[in-house]
Amino acid sequence: MAVKHFTPEGMLQPTPYHHVAVGTGTTQVHVSGQVARRADGTPVAPGDLAGQVAQA
């Protein structure tokens, strides 16, 4: 199975991993590192769990 790894535009880039992995054949998508932060690393919706989940 071929796997494509990528980090979407607007996501924090300097990471030791990719944010998304997509396998071909039967489609599987795995995501990681999704946190409530802007691309520059500043937090989104501090103290607001619903706002943080929406951002992630």
N, C-alpha and C. Protein backbone atom coordinates (compact mmCIF):
# COMPACT_ATOMS: atom_id res chain seq x y z
N MET A 1 0.84 -1.17 0.00
CA MET A 1 0.00 0.00 0.00
C MET A 1 0.89 1.24 0.00
N ALA A 2 0.65 2.14 -0.95
CA ALA A 2 1.37 3.40 -0.98
C ALA A 2 0.75 4.34 0.04
N VAL A 3 1.59 5.14 0.68
CA VAL A 3 1.11 6.09 1.68
C VAL A 3 1.64 7.48 1.34
N LYS A 4 0.72 8.46 1.30
CA LYS A 4 1.11 9.85 1.06
C LYS A 4 1.06 10.59 2.38
N HIS A 5 2.14 11.26 2.75
CA HIS A 5 2.22 12.05 3.98
C HIS A 5 2.24 13.53 3.61
N PHE A 6 1.51 14.35 4.35
CA PHE A 6 1.59 15.77 4.10
C PHE A 6 1.13 16.57 5.31
N THR A 7 1.52 17.83 5.32
CA THR A 7 1.10 18.79 6.33
C THR A 7 0.39 19.91 5.58
N PRO A 8 -0.93 20.07 5.77
CA PRO A 8 -1.68 21.08 5.02
C PRO A 8 -1.19 22.50 5.26
N GLU A 9 -1.37 23.35 4.27
CA GLU A 9 -1.02 24.77 4.40
C GLU A 9 -1.79 25.36 5.57
N GLY A 10 -1.13 26.19 6.35
CA GLY A 10 -1.76 26.81 7.50
C GLY A 10 -1.53 26.04 8.79
N MET A 11 -1.04 24.81 8.70
CA MET A 11 -0.72 24.03 9.90
C MET A 11 0.70 24.35 10.32
N LEU A 12 0.99 24.20 11.59
CA LEU A 12 2.34 24.42 12.11
C LEU A 12 3.30 23.51 11.36
N GLN A 13 4.29 24.08 10.69
CA GLN A 13 5.16 23.32 9.80
C GLN A 13 6.37 22.65 10.46
N PRO A 14 7.03 23.28 11.40
CA PRO A 14 8.26 22.65 11.90
C PRO A 14 7.94 21.51 12.87
N THR A 15 7.49 20.40 12.35
CA THR A 15 7.16 19.25 13.19
C THR A 15 8.01 18.06 12.77
N PRO A 16 8.25 17.13 13.67
CA PRO A 16 9.04 15.96 13.30
C PRO A 16 8.19 14.86 12.66
N TYR A 17 6.96 15.19 12.27
CA TYR A 17 6.06 14.22 11.66
C TYR A 17 5.13 14.98 10.72
N HIS A 18 4.35 14.25 9.96
CA HIS A 18 3.34 14.86 9.09
C HIS A 18 2.00 14.84 9.80
N HIS A 19 1.13 15.79 9.48
CA HIS A 19 -0.17 15.87 10.11
C HIS A 19 -1.16 14.87 9.52
N VAL A 20 -0.95 14.44 8.29
CA VAL A 20 -1.90 13.57 7.62
C VAL A 20 -1.15 12.46 6.88
N ALA A 21 -1.69 11.26 6.95
CA ALA A 21 -1.20 10.14 6.15
C ALA A 21 -2.41 9.51 5.47
N VAL A 22 -2.33 9.33 4.15
CA VAL A 22 -3.42 8.73 3.39
C VAL A 22 -2.89 7.51 2.67
N GLY A 23 -3.48 6.35 2.96
CA GLY A 23 -3.08 5.12 2.29
C GLY A 23 -3.98 4.86 1.09
N THR A 24 -3.40 4.29 0.02
CA THR A 24 -4.20 3.96 -1.16
C THR A 24 -4.59 2.49 -1.12
N GLY A 25 -5.42 2.08 -2.04
CA GLY A 25 -6.00 0.74 -2.02
C GLY A 25 -7.37 0.90 -1.40
N THR A 26 -7.53 0.46 -0.19
CA THR A 26 -8.72 0.86 0.56
C THR A 26 -8.30 2.13 1.27
N THR A 27 -9.06 3.19 1.17
CA THR A 27 -8.64 4.49 1.68
C THR A 27 -8.67 4.52 3.20
N GLN A 28 -7.56 4.89 3.77
CA GLN A 28 -7.44 5.12 5.21
C GLN A 28 -6.78 6.48 5.39
N VAL A 29 -7.32 7.28 6.29
CA VAL A 29 -6.74 8.58 6.61
C VAL A 29 -6.44 8.61 8.09
N HIS A 30 -5.20 8.90 8.45
CA HIS A 30 -4.77 8.99 9.85
C HIS A 30 -4.31 10.42 10.08
N VAL A 31 -4.76 11.03 11.15
CA VAL A 31 -4.33 12.39 11.46
C VAL A 31 -3.65 12.40 12.82
N SER A 32 -2.74 13.36 13.00
CA SER A 32 -2.05 13.47 14.28
C SER A 32 -1.68 14.93 14.52
N GLY A 33 -1.40 15.24 15.75
CA GLY A 33 -0.91 16.57 16.06
C GLY A 33 -1.94 17.67 15.94
N GLN A 34 -3.21 17.32 15.98
CA GLN A 34 -4.24 18.35 15.82
C GLN A 34 -4.53 18.98 17.17
N VAL A 35 -4.09 20.20 17.34
CA VAL A 35 -4.28 20.94 18.58
C VAL A 35 -4.83 22.32 18.26
N ALA A 36 -5.35 22.98 19.27
CA ALA A 36 -5.98 24.29 19.08
C ALA A 36 -4.94 25.40 19.04
N ARG A 37 -4.16 25.44 17.97
CA ARG A 37 -3.16 26.48 17.78
C ARG A 37 -3.22 26.98 16.35
N ARG A 38 -2.88 28.26 16.18
CA ARG A 38 -2.78 28.84 14.85
C ARG A 38 -1.46 28.41 14.22
N ALA A 39 -1.29 28.71 12.95
CA ALA A 39 -0.06 28.33 12.24
C ALA A 39 1.18 28.91 12.89
N ASP A 40 1.05 30.07 13.58
CA ASP A 40 2.22 30.67 14.24
C ASP A 40 2.44 30.11 15.64
N GLY A 41 1.59 29.16 16.08
CA GLY A 41 1.76 28.51 17.37
C GLY A 41 0.96 29.12 18.51
N THR A 42 0.29 30.24 18.27
CA THR A 42 -0.49 30.85 19.36
C THR A 42 -1.77 30.05 19.61
N PRO A 43 -2.20 29.94 20.88
CA PRO A 43 -3.38 29.16 21.20
C PRO A 43 -4.67 29.79 20.69
N VAL A 44 -5.63 28.93 20.36
CA VAL A 44 -6.96 29.35 19.94
C VAL A 44 -7.94 29.03 21.06
N ALA A 45 -8.81 29.94 21.38
CA ALA A 45 -9.91 29.75 22.34
C ALA A 45 -9.45 29.23 23.70
N PRO A 46 -8.49 29.90 24.37
CA PRO A 46 -8.07 29.45 25.70
C PRO A 46 -9.26 29.35 26.66
N GLY A 47 -9.37 28.25 27.36
CA GLY A 47 -10.45 28.04 28.32
C GLY A 47 -11.78 27.67 27.71
N ASP A 48 -11.85 27.50 26.40
CA ASP A 48 -13.09 27.18 25.70
C ASP A 48 -12.92 25.85 24.96
N LEU A 49 -13.31 24.74 25.61
CA LEU A 49 -13.10 23.42 25.02
C LEU A 49 -13.78 23.29 23.66
N ALA A 50 -15.01 23.76 23.53
CA ALA A 50 -15.73 23.66 22.25
C ALA A 50 -14.97 24.42 21.16
N GLY A 51 -14.45 25.59 21.47
CA GLY A 51 -13.68 26.37 20.49
C GLY A 51 -12.39 25.69 20.12
N GLN A 52 -11.75 25.04 21.08
CA GLN A 52 -10.50 24.32 20.80
C GLN A 52 -10.76 23.11 19.91
N VAL A 53 -11.83 22.38 20.20
CA VAL A 53 -12.17 21.20 19.38
C VAL A 53 -12.50 21.64 17.96
N ALA A 54 -13.24 22.73 17.81
CA ALA A 54 -13.58 23.23 16.47
C ALA A 54 -12.32 23.57 15.68
N GLN A 55 -11.32 24.18 16.34
CA GLN A 55 -10.08 24.53 15.65
C GLN A 55 -9.31 23.28 15.26
N ALA A 56 -9.21 22.32 16.17
CA ALA A 56 -8.46 21.09 15.90
C ALA A 56 -9.08 20.32 14.77
